[in-house]
């Protein structure tokens, strides 16, 4: 079985629910507190590829920092990725990664589909 990793923010109820769901399913996931250990630009590019989405779709566009940085006006993928590296709270959560696939755990059923 592929290693399962979850990018987790313990202050987020959806992220906590994602970790709990993995535990309930008997999955021993690697928990990465991505606010403490932000992903690199390369790691973000790899996850975006696994998610099959553009960078903005992984961003929390309602975060104050998103508006402060004027990210709504930026189209360049590399600039958006750099913003997530510099400000990891912009990253949607939780993100669950397994092999060459990944899901955003909103809704939580996405996690079940990934590990099922």
C-alpha atoms as a PDB file:
ATOM      1  CA  UNK A   1       0.000   0.000   0.000  1.00  0.00           C
ATOM      2  CA  UNK A   2       1.211   3.506  -0.825  1.00  0.00           C
ATOM      3  CA  UNK A   3       2.102   5.775   2.062  1.00  0.00           C
ATOM      4  CA  UNK A   4      -0.723   8.157   2.878  1.00  0.00           C
ATOM      5  CA  UNK A   5       0.183  11.677   3.902  1.00  0.00           C
ATOM      6  CA  UNK A   6      -2.143  14.364   5.192  1.00  0.00           C
ATOM      7  CA  UNK A   7      -1.268  18.061   5.237  1.00  0.00           C
ATOM      8  CA  UNK A   8      -2.868  18.961   8.537  1.00  0.00           C
ATOM      9  CA  UNK A   9      -3.699  22.115  10.465  1.00  0.00           C
ATOM     10  CA  UNK A  10      -4.770  21.056  13.976  1.00  0.00           C
ATOM     11  CA  UNK A  11      -6.691  24.324  14.442  1.00  0.00           C
ATOM     12  CA  UNK A  12      -8.998  23.489  11.509  1.00  0.00           C
ATOM     13  CA  UNK A  13     -12.088  21.390  12.263  1.00  0.00           C
ATOM     14  CA  UNK A  14     -12.168  19.870   8.748  1.00  0.00           C
ATOM     15  CA  UNK A  15      -8.513  18.945   9.023  1.00  0.00           C
ATOM     16  CA  UNK A  16      -9.051  17.353  12.439  1.00  0.00           C
ATOM     17  CA  UNK A  17     -12.030  15.465  11.018  1.00  0.00           C
ATOM     18  CA  UNK A  18      -9.838  14.243   8.141  1.00  0.00           C
ATOM     19  CA  UNK A  19      -7.224  12.881  10.558  1.00  0.00           C
ATOM     20  CA  UNK A  20      -9.977  11.255  12.636  1.00  0.00           C
ATOM     21  CA  UNK A  21     -11.474   9.649   9.529  1.00  0.00           C
ATOM     22  CA  UNK A  22      -8.119   8.171   8.549  1.00  0.00           C
ATOM     23  CA  UNK A  23      -7.664   6.816  12.082  1.00  0.00           C
ATOM     24  CA  UNK A  24     -11.196   5.342  12.068  1.00  0.00           C
ATOM     25  CA  UNK A  25     -10.368   3.581   8.794  1.00  0.00           C
ATOM     26  CA  UNK A  26      -7.227   2.109  10.373  1.00  0.00           C
ATOM     27  CA  UNK A  27      -4.926   4.176   8.168  1.00  0.00           C
ATOM     28  CA  UNK A  28      -1.584   5.024   9.723  1.00  0.00           C
ATOM     29  CA  UNK A  29      -1.013   8.272   7.828  1.00  0.00           C
ATOM     30  CA  UNK A  30       2.012  10.498   7.941  1.00  0.00           C
ATOM     31  CA  UNK A  31       0.710  13.742   9.436  1.00  0.00           C
ATOM     32  CA  UNK A  32       2.465  16.857   8.171  1.00  0.00           C
ATOM     33  CA  UNK A  33       1.690  20.065  10.027  1.00  0.00           C
ATOM     34  CA  UNK A  34       2.186  22.161   6.951  1.00  0.00           C
ATOM     35  CA  UNK A  35       2.034  25.480   8.820  1.00  0.00           C
ATOM     36  CA  UNK A  36       5.099  24.390  10.817  1.00  0.00           C
ATOM     37  CA  UNK A  37       6.801  22.665   7.881  1.00  0.00           C
ATOM     38  CA  UNK A  38       5.548  24.355   4.700  1.00  0.00           C
ATOM     39  CA  UNK A  39       5.810  22.464   1.441  1.00  0.00           C
ATOM     40  CA  UNK A  40       8.414  23.573  -1.063  1.00  0.00           C
ATOM     41  CA  UNK A  41       7.439  24.981  -4.446  1.00  0.00           C
ATOM     42  CA  UNK A  42       8.357  21.635  -6.005  1.00  0.00           C
ATOM     43  CA  UNK A  43       6.192  19.717  -3.514  1.00  0.00           C
ATOM     44  CA  UNK A  44       3.279  22.041  -4.261  1.00  0.00           C
ATOM     45  CA  UNK A  45       3.716  21.566  -8.014  1.00  0.00           C
ATOM     46  CA  UNK A  46       3.713  17.779  -7.520  1.00  0.00           C
ATOM     47  CA  UNK A  47       0.557  17.897  -5.396  1.00  0.00           C
ATOM     48  CA  UNK A  48      -1.188  20.208  -7.875  1.00  0.00           C
ATOM     49  CA  UNK A  49      -0.363  17.705 -10.616  1.00  0.00           C
ATOM     50  CA  UNK A  50      -1.784  14.865  -8.503  1.00  0.00           C
ATOM     51  CA  UNK A  51      -4.906  16.926  -7.788  1.00  0.00           C
ATOM     52  CA  UNK A  52      -5.251  17.899 -11.471  1.00  0.00           C
ATOM     53  CA  UNK A  53      -6.026  21.497 -10.519  1.00  0.00           C
ATOM     54  CA  UNK A  54      -4.433  24.925 -11.010  1.00  0.00           C
ATOM     55  CA  UNK A  55      -2.720  26.644  -8.085  1.00  0.00           C
ATOM     56  CA  UNK A  56      -5.630  28.996  -7.329  1.00  0.00           C
ATOM     57  CA  UNK A  57      -7.943  26.007  -6.760  1.00  0.00           C
ATOM     58  CA  UNK A  58      -5.716  24.962  -3.833  1.00  0.00           C
ATOM     59  CA  UNK A  59      -5.829  28.433  -2.289  1.00  0.00           C
ATOM     60  CA  UNK A  60      -8.035  29.731   0.494  1.00  0.00           C
ATOM     61  CA  UNK A  61      -9.210  32.799  -1.387  1.00  0.00           C
ATOM     62  CA  UNK A  62     -11.125  34.202   1.582  1.00  0.00           C
ATOM     63  CA  UNK A  63      -7.992  34.516   3.738  1.00  0.00           C
ATOM     64  CA  UNK A  64      -7.082  38.128   4.569  1.00  0.00           C
ATOM     65  CA  UNK A  65      -3.525  37.572   3.315  1.00  0.00           C
ATOM     66  CA  UNK A  66      -4.913  36.540  -0.098  1.00  0.00           C
ATOM     67  CA  UNK A  67      -6.568  39.929  -0.464  1.00  0.00           C
ATOM     68  CA  UNK A  68      -3.645  41.836   1.090  1.00  0.00           C
ATOM     69  CA  UNK A  69      -1.233  40.325  -1.439  1.00  0.00           C
ATOM     70  CA  UNK A  70      -3.576  41.063  -4.344  1.00  0.00           C
ATOM     71  CA  UNK A  71      -3.495  37.420  -5.421  1.00  0.00           C
ATOM     72  CA  UNK A  72      -6.868  37.674  -7.150  1.00  0.00           C
ATOM     73  CA  UNK A  73      -5.185  39.734  -9.866  1.00  0.00           C
ATOM     74  CA  UNK A  74      -2.293  37.305 -10.426  1.00  0.00           C
ATOM     75  CA  UNK A  75      -2.578  34.670 -13.147  1.00  0.00           C
ATOM     76  CA  UNK A  76       0.988  33.326 -13.072  1.00  0.00           C
ATOM     77  CA  UNK A  77       1.019  29.822 -11.544  1.00  0.00           C
ATOM     78  CA  UNK A  78       4.573  30.193 -10.230  1.00  0.00           C
ATOM     79  CA  UNK A  79       3.698  33.408  -8.393  1.00  0.00           C
ATOM     80  CA  UNK A  80       0.664  31.754  -6.799  1.00  0.00           C
ATOM     81  CA  UNK A  81       2.758  28.747  -5.761  1.00  0.00           C
ATOM     82  CA  UNK A  82       5.418  31.079  -4.324  1.00  0.00           C
ATOM     83  CA  UNK A  83       2.703  32.844  -2.308  1.00  0.00           C
ATOM     84  CA  UNK A  84       1.577  29.507  -0.825  1.00  0.00           C
ATOM     85  CA  UNK A  85       5.162  28.613   0.069  1.00  0.00           C
ATOM     86  CA  UNK A  86       5.643  31.988   1.770  1.00  0.00           C
ATOM     87  CA  UNK A  87       2.189  31.960   3.406  1.00  0.00           C
ATOM     88  CA  UNK A  88       1.149  28.317   3.904  1.00  0.00           C
ATOM     89  CA  UNK A  89      -2.128  29.247   5.578  1.00  0.00           C
ATOM     90  CA  UNK A  90      -3.275  30.049   2.035  1.00  0.00           C
ATOM     91  CA  UNK A  91      -3.278  26.301   1.297  1.00  0.00           C
ATOM     92  CA  UNK A  92      -6.669  24.617   1.457  1.00  0.00           C
ATOM     93  CA  UNK A  93      -6.877  21.838   4.010  1.00  0.00           C
ATOM     94  CA  UNK A  94      -6.697  19.043   4.536  1.00  0.00           C
ATOM     95  CA  UNK A  95      -4.802  17.644   1.565  1.00  0.00           C
ATOM     96  CA  UNK A  96      -4.422  13.865   1.508  1.00  0.00           C
ATOM     97  CA  UNK A  97      -1.802  12.309  -0.754  1.00  0.00           C
ATOM     98  CA  UNK A  98      -1.450   8.669  -1.764  1.00  0.00           C
ATOM     99  CA  UNK A  99       0.990   7.624  -4.452  1.00  0.00           C
ATOM    100  CA  UNK A 100       0.253   9.522  -7.648  1.00  0.00           C
ATOM    101  CA  UNK A 101      -3.132  10.801  -6.422  1.00  0.00           C
ATOM    102  CA  UNK A 102      -4.255  13.459  -3.989  1.00  0.00           C
ATOM    103  CA  UNK A 103      -7.517  14.986  -2.790  1.00  0.00           C
ATOM    104  CA  UNK A 104      -8.624  18.013  -0.859  1.00  0.00           C
ATOM    105  CA  UNK A 105     -10.593  16.632   2.085  1.00  0.00           C
ATOM    106  CA  UNK A 106     -13.583  18.911   1.520  1.00  0.00           C
ATOM    107  CA  UNK A 107     -15.919  17.153   1.566  1.00  0.00           C
ATOM    108  CA  UNK A 108     -14.499  14.410   3.746  1.00  0.00           C
ATOM    109  CA  UNK A 109     -15.902  11.784   1.373  1.00  0.00           C
ATOM    110  CA  UNK A 110     -13.029  12.668  -0.970  1.00  0.00           C
ATOM    111  CA  UNK A 111     -10.680  11.029   1.533  1.00  0.00           C
ATOM    112  CA  UNK A 112     -12.701   7.819   1.560  1.00  0.00           C
ATOM    113  CA  UNK A 113     -12.559   7.669  -2.245  1.00  0.00           C
ATOM    114  CA  UNK A 114      -8.773   8.051  -2.122  1.00  0.00           C
ATOM    115  CA  UNK A 115      -8.125   5.385   0.492  1.00  0.00           C
ATOM    116  CA  UNK A 116     -10.949   3.029  -0.510  1.00  0.00           C
END
